[in-house]
Every structure is written in structure tokens, then in C-alpha cells.
Amino acid sequence: MTDSNTTLIDQLKNHVEQEVTLNGWLYNSRGSGKVQFLIIRDGTGLCQCIVEKGKVSDELFDGLKHLGQESSLAVTGMVRADERSVGGYELAVTDAKIIAPATDYPITPKSHGIDFLLKHRHLHLRSQSQWCIGKIRHTVIDAIRRFFNDNGFTLVDTPILTTAAGEEEQSLFEVDYFGEPVFLTQTGQLHLESAAMSYGKVYCFGPTLRAEKSKTRRHLTEFWMVEPEVAFIELDGLLELAENFVSAIVARVLQDNKSQLETIGADIPALEKIKPPFYRLTYTEASEILTSQRAKDFLAGQLDEFKNQKQQIESRITLLEEEQKGQI
């Protein structure tokens, strides 16, 4: 086996009826007595590789049959188009090389609890759902930068260590900076406001750290945040900027990551409706809607539904934790 014909899974469409070599990891496998179906991943996608007894040596066939999940290997074979296969293409294997066999891989194709997955986060990244999320995140970040670049904004890298609070002082992370107290950044806003007086339109995009002692979905101690600042802009212009910004990101993800969105169960029809202009309300109009009896009835119904969902999730988590402990 040589590297001359090595290709990536997302490029198989360009090599139909050609012999290629894939380097990757064993994502899953199944088979009968004379045929093995190996699902290989290489970071760009998944490919089903079909190994038939008699087409490879008996020793290799037996080795592949007992190969553990996440073993690394190189597989050579003929590319065939097949809509039934994952990714639309498959490989009829003629040869393979086991690079590094893996045993007792902890994240098997079954449900696992959150604590277990966080403990094995470095391995959980290899799962299909996490891979899809990472790919979508990559596109979102690139779309953010492209939008601001295409609209005349200048990137400003604001400091991570600061001496002032941009938000609430209670959520500051204090750090000893050679005997002097400084804080991890909460926002780049203060620096951007100064930079906007020089460049006109600026943005920063980087880590934000806030000492919020909460584990709700609305509180994070560390996250990445994008912040634009524009000189000489009125409210209508700011709203238009926000609408175009969000719409551009959604459109780009739909264009580049539709299959990943489908895998994680995203509501694609709802995303396709996100286009400017958005419906706008004044503060007074929004307040009147939210305080109406209809809104109160709706929110009460939503609260009951959330309570039921919470109970179901908690029951499921308890069941998964008991399974991990071998109690059932």
C-alpha cells in the first residue's frame, strides 16, 4: 500500500470507479460470516467499507473482523456510488493495514450520561453528533468574520487581562498580575468604543469570562462573543445590521452544513425562514403583548410543558447513571 492514491472521504465523489486508500478510524462495524461492513471516519465524513472473504487474505479478514472501535487503519479499495450507503459512496476493499488496534473504547454506540461524557470529553469529540456541532461552529465563526470583512469592519483584538469591569463587578474573575490585581475580560466593549473613534466600524471576537455561579443554560463562565461597534449609526441602522448579520450566518450554515444540521435534528424549515427584514416592535408594543392575558395563558402552558420535560430528562439521566453503575 502506498500514499500516492490516498484521498479523503469527502472527495470520494471525484474518484468513482477508481482505487483509492482511506486513512481513518473504525467508527462502527457489523458483518456476517463472509462479509464485513466497516464504517470508517477520517475527520471529513463517514464511509462504508465492504470486506468480502476471498477478496483479501484470511488473516486480514479475521483481523478486521475482530478490530475494536476507534482502531486506526488504512483501507484500499474501489470507490462505488451507492445512495443507500452513508455519504452516498462506499469502498469495495481489496487491501487494508491495521495501524493501531484499539480495545475497550469506553464510548460505545449506546446512551451515556452527561457526567460520563464530560469525563471522557476528549473521546466524545469523535462521536457523530459532536463532530457535526464542531463543523457547524467552524462555519459560523468563518461566516461571522466574512460578514464583517465584507461590510468594511476592522478587527480589533481587545485584551484578555483588564483593570476595569465592563459588566457587573460581582462577575469579575480576579487574577494576581505580579502583585497587582487585574481581571479576566468580560467584554471588549470599552476598548471597541475607543477604536470606533479611529476606524469607524470595528468588531472583536474572542473569549469572555464571567464568574457567574450558575449551571443554567443562560449562564456561562467562559464563552466566545462577537461585539461590533459603529460610529454615527442610528437605531434603524443598528437593527438592519443585526438582521443582516444573523441572516448571513444562517444562510451560510444552511449552504455548507445541511447534512450536519439534519444529523443533529435541527429544524431546517424554521432556519430557512430567517431572512431580513425582521418584524419589529417598539418597547411599548412588546410590553403590551407580554402583559396581555393571552400571553400569560401561553406562558403558563409553556411552564407546565417545561416542568414535564424536566421530569422526563431527570428520570432519563437517573436511569443512565444507574446503568453505568451496573445497578440494573
Protein backbone atom coordinates (compact mmCIF):
# COMPACT_ATOMS: atom_id res chain seq x y z
CA MET A 1 0.00 0.00 0.00
CA THR A 2 1.29 3.47 -0.88
CA ASP A 3 0.24 7.04 -0.15
CA SER A 4 0.03 8.04 -3.82
CA ASN A 5 -3.70 7.29 -4.05
CA THR A 6 -4.66 8.38 -0.53
CA THR A 7 -7.79 10.52 -0.51
CA LEU A 8 -10.33 11.96 1.90
CA ILE A 9 -13.86 10.68 2.36
CA ASP A 10 -15.45 13.97 1.32
CA GLN A 11 -13.57 13.69 -2.00
CA LEU A 12 -14.79 10.19 -2.92
CA LYS A 13 -17.30 11.71 -5.34
CA ASN A 14 -14.34 12.60 -7.55
CA HIS A 15 -12.97 9.03 -7.60
CA VAL A 16 -15.90 6.79 -8.55
CA GLU A 17 -14.70 3.51 -10.13
CA GLN A 18 -11.15 4.33 -9.06
CA GLU A 19 -8.97 2.61 -6.47
CA VAL A 20 -8.09 4.82 -3.51
CA THR A 21 -6.75 4.50 0.02
CA LEU A 22 -8.51 5.94 3.06
CA ASN A 23 -6.72 6.63 6.34
CA GLY A 24 -9.03 6.79 9.33
CA TRP A 25 -10.57 5.23 12.40
CA LEU A 26 -13.11 2.44 12.80
CA TYR A 27 -16.36 4.15 13.77
CA ASN A 28 -18.53 1.03 13.76
CA SER A 29 -18.66 -2.43 12.22
CA ARG A 30 -21.01 -5.32 11.58
CA GLY A 31 -20.99 -8.40 9.42
CA SER A 32 -21.86 -11.99 8.70
CA GLY A 33 -19.66 -14.96 8.05
CA LYS A 34 -18.30 -13.89 4.67
CA VAL A 35 -18.83 -10.11 4.58
CA GLN A 36 -17.73 -7.35 6.94
CA PHE A 37 -19.11 -3.80 6.83
CA LEU A 38 -16.66 -1.30 8.32
CA ILE A 39 -17.71 2.32 8.87
CA ILE A 40 -14.57 4.44 8.64
CA ARG A 41 -14.28 8.09 9.63
CA ASP A 42 -11.37 10.36 8.72
CA GLY A 43 -12.42 13.79 10.00
CA THR A 44 -14.20 14.76 6.78
CA GLY A 45 -17.01 12.21 6.88
CA LEU A 46 -18.02 8.56 7.11
CA CYS A 47 -17.61 5.78 4.54
CA GLN A 48 -18.85 2.20 4.50
CA CYS A 49 -16.07 -0.18 3.51
CA ILE A 50 -17.14 -3.67 2.40
CA VAL A 51 -14.71 -6.51 3.04
CA GLU A 52 -15.54 -9.83 1.37
CA LYS A 53 -13.91 -13.08 2.36
CA GLY A 54 -11.73 -14.25 -0.51
CA LYS A 55 -11.07 -10.70 -1.74
CA VAL A 56 -8.45 -10.22 1.00
CA SER A 57 -6.26 -12.69 2.85
CA ASP A 58 -7.86 -14.86 5.53
CA GLU A 59 -5.51 -13.37 8.11
CA LEU A 60 -6.53 -9.81 7.23
CA PHE A 61 -10.24 -10.70 7.10
CA ASP A 62 -10.04 -12.21 10.58
CA GLY A 63 -8.07 -9.24 11.90
CA LEU A 64 -10.63 -6.75 10.59
CA LYS A 65 -13.48 -8.88 11.93
CA HIS A 66 -12.19 -8.55 15.49
CA LEU A 67 -10.92 -4.98 15.22
CA GLY A 68 -12.04 -2.72 18.08
CA GLN A 69 -13.92 0.56 17.79
CA GLU A 70 -11.66 3.57 17.09
CA SER A 71 -8.76 1.45 15.84
CA SER A 72 -6.76 3.34 13.22
CA LEU A 73 -6.27 1.76 9.82
CA ALA A 74 -5.64 2.36 6.14
CA VAL A 75 -8.12 0.81 3.71
CA THR A 76 -7.66 0.42 -0.04
CA GLY A 77 -10.42 -0.38 -2.48
CA MET A 78 -12.62 0.59 -5.41
CA VAL A 79 -14.99 3.54 -4.94
CA ARG A 80 -18.63 2.84 -5.79
CA ALA A 81 -21.58 5.21 -5.78
CA ASP A 82 -24.49 3.92 -3.69
CA GLU A 83 -27.25 6.17 -2.34
CA ARG A 84 -28.02 3.62 0.38
CA SER A 85 -24.57 3.97 1.90
CA VAL A 86 -23.64 6.65 4.40
CA GLY A 87 -22.37 9.64 2.42
CA GLY A 88 -23.59 8.14 -0.86
CA TYR A 89 -20.36 6.23 -1.62
CA GLU A 90 -18.74 3.02 -0.44
CA LEU A 91 -15.43 1.21 -0.80
CA ALA A 92 -15.03 -2.36 -2.06
CA VAL A 93 -11.95 -3.31 -0.05
CA THR A 94 -9.02 -5.04 -1.75
CA ASP A 95 -6.41 -4.44 0.96
CA ALA A 96 -6.03 -2.89 4.40
CA LYS A 97 -3.41 -2.15 7.01
CA ILE A 98 -4.17 -2.04 10.72
CA ILE A 99 -2.11 0.86 12.04
CA ALA A 100 -3.02 0.78 15.74
CA PRO A 101 -5.69 -1.54 17.18
CA ALA A 102 -7.88 -0.17 19.99
CA THR A 103 -9.51 -2.14 22.79
CA ASP A 104 -12.12 -1.31 25.43
CA TYR A 105 -13.12 2.02 23.88
CA PRO A 106 -15.41 3.49 26.58
CA ILE A 107 -17.96 5.38 24.44
CA THR A 108 -19.89 2.60 22.75
CA PRO A 109 -22.91 3.04 20.41
CA LYS A 110 -25.42 3.36 23.27
CA SER A 111 -26.74 6.10 25.54
CA HIS A 112 -24.37 7.58 28.13
CA GLY A 113 -24.94 10.03 30.97
CA ILE A 114 -23.74 13.64 30.84
CA ASP A 115 -21.19 13.20 33.64
CA PHE A 116 -19.71 10.17 31.89
CA LEU A 117 -19.40 12.00 28.57
CA LEU A 118 -17.83 15.07 30.19
CA LYS A 119 -15.30 12.84 31.93
CA HIS A 120 -14.39 11.41 28.52
CA ARG A 121 -14.79 14.68 26.62
CA HIS A 122 -11.57 14.14 24.64
CA LEU A 123 -13.09 10.96 23.23
CA HIS A 124 -16.67 12.22 22.96
CA LEU A 125 -15.44 14.68 20.31
CA ARG A 126 -15.17 11.70 17.96
CA SER A 127 -18.91 10.97 18.09
CA GLN A 128 -21.01 11.94 15.09
CA SER A 129 -23.16 14.49 16.94
CA GLN A 130 -20.16 16.32 18.39
CA TRP A 131 -18.38 16.21 15.03
CA CYS A 132 -21.42 17.82 13.39
CA ILE A 133 -21.61 20.53 16.05
CA GLY A 134 -17.91 21.28 15.59
CA LYS A 135 -18.32 21.57 11.82
CA ILE A 136 -21.31 23.91 12.21
CA ARG A 137 -19.40 26.02 14.75
CA HIS A 138 -16.49 26.30 12.32
CA THR A 139 -18.83 27.60 9.61
CA VAL A 140 -20.49 30.06 12.00
CA ILE A 141 -17.12 31.53 13.00
CA ASP A 142 -16.00 31.86 9.39
CA ALA A 143 -19.35 33.43 8.42
CA ILE A 144 -19.04 35.98 11.23
CA ARG A 145 -15.61 37.10 10.09
CA ARG A 146 -16.61 37.17 6.42
CA PHE A 147 -19.69 39.28 7.16
CA PHE A 148 -17.72 41.94 8.99
CA ASN A 149 -14.88 41.88 6.46
CA ASP A 150 -17.32 42.27 3.57
CA ASN A 151 -19.06 45.18 5.31
CA GLY A 152 -16.00 47.30 6.00
CA PHE A 153 -15.35 46.43 9.64
CA THR A 154 -11.86 46.33 11.18
CA LEU A 155 -10.99 43.55 13.63
CA VAL A 156 -9.66 44.78 16.97
CA ASP A 157 -8.11 42.27 19.37
CA THR A 158 -9.03 43.52 22.83
CA PRO A 159 -7.05 42.50 25.96
CA ILE A 160 -7.79 39.34 27.93
CA LEU A 161 -6.39 40.88 31.14
CA THR A 162 -8.02 44.19 32.08
CA THR A 163 -8.14 46.60 35.00
CA ALA A 164 -11.77 47.66 34.65
CA ALA A 165 -15.17 46.00 34.75
CA GLY A 166 -17.18 46.08 31.56
CA GLU A 167 -20.21 44.45 33.19
CA GLU A 168 -21.17 43.70 36.80
CA GLU A 169 -18.25 43.76 39.22
CA GLN A 170 -19.65 40.71 41.02
CA SER A 171 -18.89 38.54 37.98
CA LEU A 172 -15.23 39.52 37.66
CA PHE A 173 -12.51 36.86 37.73
CA GLU A 174 -9.63 38.41 39.68
CA VAL A 175 -6.05 37.44 38.80
CA ASP A 176 -2.80 38.27 40.61
CA TYR A 177 -0.68 40.03 37.98
CA PHE A 178 2.79 40.21 39.56
CA GLY A 179 1.36 41.58 42.78
CA GLU A 180 -1.28 43.78 41.15
CA PRO A 181 -4.98 42.81 40.85
CA VAL A 182 -6.32 42.51 37.30
CA PHE A 183 -9.38 40.80 35.85
CA LEU A 184 -10.20 38.39 33.05
CA THR A 185 -12.15 40.17 30.34
CA GLN A 186 -15.93 40.31 30.49
CA THR A 187 -16.31 42.26 27.26
CA GLY A 188 -14.26 44.17 24.71
CA GLN A 189 -16.83 46.97 24.60
CA LEU A 190 -14.80 49.67 26.34
CA HIS A 191 -11.81 49.17 24.05
CA LEU A 192 -14.02 48.96 20.96
CA GLU A 193 -15.71 52.26 21.72
CA SER A 194 -12.30 53.93 21.62
CA ALA A 195 -11.29 52.06 18.46
CA ALA A 196 -14.51 53.06 16.70
CA MET A 197 -13.40 56.69 17.00
CA SER A 198 -10.41 55.74 14.85
CA TYR A 199 -11.73 53.18 12.34
CA GLY A 200 -15.45 53.96 12.23
CA LYS A 201 -16.64 50.34 12.15
CA VAL A 202 -14.91 47.76 14.35
CA TYR A 203 -15.54 44.40 15.98
CA CYS A 204 -13.85 42.00 18.37
CA PHE A 205 -14.28 38.26 18.57
CA GLY A 206 -12.77 36.30 21.41
CA PRO A 207 -13.16 34.63 24.81
CA THR A 208 -15.34 36.11 27.53
CA LEU A 209 -15.05 35.04 31.16
CA ARG A 210 -17.58 35.79 33.88
CA ALA A 211 -17.70 34.47 37.44
CA GLU A 212 -21.39 33.57 37.37
CA LYS A 213 -22.01 30.77 39.85
CA SER A 214 -24.80 29.06 37.96
CA LYS A 215 -25.26 25.96 35.84
CA THR A 216 -28.30 27.08 33.86
CA ARG A 217 -28.32 27.27 30.07
CA ARG A 218 -28.41 31.08 30.35
CA HIS A 219 -25.20 31.39 32.37
CA LEU A 220 -21.68 30.56 31.22
CA THR A 221 -18.37 31.21 32.91
CA GLU A 222 -16.49 31.01 29.60
CA PHE A 223 -17.68 31.56 26.05
CA TRP A 224 -16.72 33.30 22.81
CA MET A 225 -18.50 36.55 21.99
CA VAL A 226 -18.57 38.82 18.95
CA GLU A 227 -19.13 42.54 19.51
CA PRO A 228 -19.42 45.24 16.82
CA GLU A 229 -19.25 48.98 17.37
CA VAL A 230 -20.17 51.56 14.73
CA ALA A 231 -19.75 55.32 14.84
CA PHE A 232 -22.60 57.53 13.59
CA ILE A 233 -25.32 54.88 13.46
CA GLU A 234 -28.96 55.28 14.47
CA LEU A 235 -31.31 52.64 15.87
CA ASP A 236 -32.79 51.67 12.49
CA GLY A 237 -29.31 51.19 11.05
CA LEU A 238 -28.30 49.09 14.04
CA LEU A 239 -31.38 46.89 13.66
CA GLU A 240 -30.66 46.42 9.97
CA LEU A 241 -27.06 45.47 10.76
CA ALA A 242 -28.21 42.86 13.29
CA GLU A 243 -30.80 41.39 10.91
CA ASN A 244 -28.32 41.09 8.04
CA PHE A 245 -25.68 39.65 10.36
CA VAL A 246 -27.88 36.86 11.72
CA SER A 247 -29.38 36.08 8.32
CA ALA A 248 -25.97 35.83 6.66
CA ILE A 249 -24.74 33.33 9.25
CA VAL A 250 -27.86 31.15 8.99
CA ALA A 251 -27.74 31.18 5.18
CA ARG A 252 -24.09 30.13 5.20
CA VAL A 253 -24.70 27.24 7.61
CA LEU A 254 -27.66 26.04 5.53
CA GLN A 255 -25.44 26.15 2.47
CA ASP A 256 -22.40 24.39 3.92
CA ASN A 257 -23.75 22.22 6.74
CA LYS A 258 -27.21 21.00 5.81
CA SER A 259 -26.32 17.33 6.33
CA GLN A 260 -24.85 18.11 9.76
CA LEU A 261 -28.00 20.04 10.70
CA GLU A 262 -30.10 17.03 9.70
CA THR A 263 -27.92 14.70 11.77
CA ILE A 264 -28.39 16.70 14.98
CA GLY A 265 -32.12 17.13 14.34
CA ALA A 266 -32.19 20.88 13.65
CA ASP A 267 -35.45 22.46 12.46
CA ILE A 268 -34.27 23.28 8.94
CA PRO A 269 -37.60 24.73 7.67
CA ALA A 270 -37.56 27.19 10.58
CA LEU A 271 -33.97 28.18 9.80
CA GLU A 272 -34.84 28.74 6.14
CA LYS A 273 -37.38 31.38 7.21
CA ILE A 274 -34.71 33.55 8.83
CA LYS A 275 -34.39 36.31 6.25
CA PRO A 276 -34.47 40.10 6.54
CA PRO A 277 -36.36 42.24 7.20
CA PHE A 278 -37.47 41.00 10.62
CA TYR A 279 -40.75 42.06 12.19
CA ARG A 280 -40.10 44.99 14.52
CA LEU A 281 -41.90 46.08 17.68
CA THR A 282 -41.50 49.14 19.83
CA TYR A 283 -40.79 48.62 23.52
CA THR A 284 -44.33 49.73 24.35
CA GLU A 285 -45.88 47.29 21.87
CA ALA A 286 -43.78 44.41 23.20
CA SER A 287 -44.70 45.28 26.79
CA GLU A 288 -48.41 45.33 25.96
CA ILE A 289 -48.19 41.93 24.26
CA LEU A 290 -46.26 40.33 27.12
CA THR A 291 -48.64 41.62 29.79
CA SER A 292 -51.82 40.58 27.97
CA GLN A 293 -53.95 37.72 29.29
CA ARG A 294 -53.27 35.71 26.16
CA ALA A 295 -49.53 35.93 26.80
CA LYS A 296 -49.97 34.94 30.44
CA ASP A 297 -52.00 31.88 29.44
CA PHE A 298 -49.40 30.94 26.84
CA LEU A 299 -46.50 31.29 29.30
CA ALA A 300 -48.37 29.26 31.92
CA GLY A 301 -48.83 26.46 29.39
CA GLN A 302 -45.16 26.64 28.41
CA LEU A 303 -44.13 26.44 32.06
CA ASP A 304 -46.19 23.29 32.60
CA GLU A 305 -44.65 21.74 29.49
CA PHE A 306 -41.13 22.63 30.64
CA LYS A 307 -41.80 21.05 34.04
CA ASN A 308 -42.92 17.82 32.37
CA GLN A 309 -39.86 17.83 30.11
CA LYS A 310 -37.60 18.44 33.10
CA GLN A 311 -39.06 15.46 34.94
CA GLN A 312 -38.60 13.23 31.88
CA ILE A 313 -34.99 14.36 31.43
CA GLU A 314 -34.17 13.88 35.11
CA SER A 315 -35.69 10.39 35.04
CA ARG A 316 -33.67 9.54 31.95
CA ILE A 317 -30.44 10.82 33.50
CA THR A 318 -31.08 8.78 36.65
CA LEU A 319 -31.69 5.67 34.56
CA LEU A 320 -28.48 6.19 32.58
CA GLU A 321 -26.44 6.72 35.75
CA GLU A 322 -27.83 3.52 37.23
CA GLU A 323 -26.97 1.63 34.05
CA GLN A 324 -23.38 2.88 34.25
CA LYS A 325 -23.10 1.74 37.85
CA GLY A 326 -24.37 -1.69 36.87
CA GLN A 327 -27.35 -1.43 39.20
CA ILE A 328 -29.83 -2.59 36.56
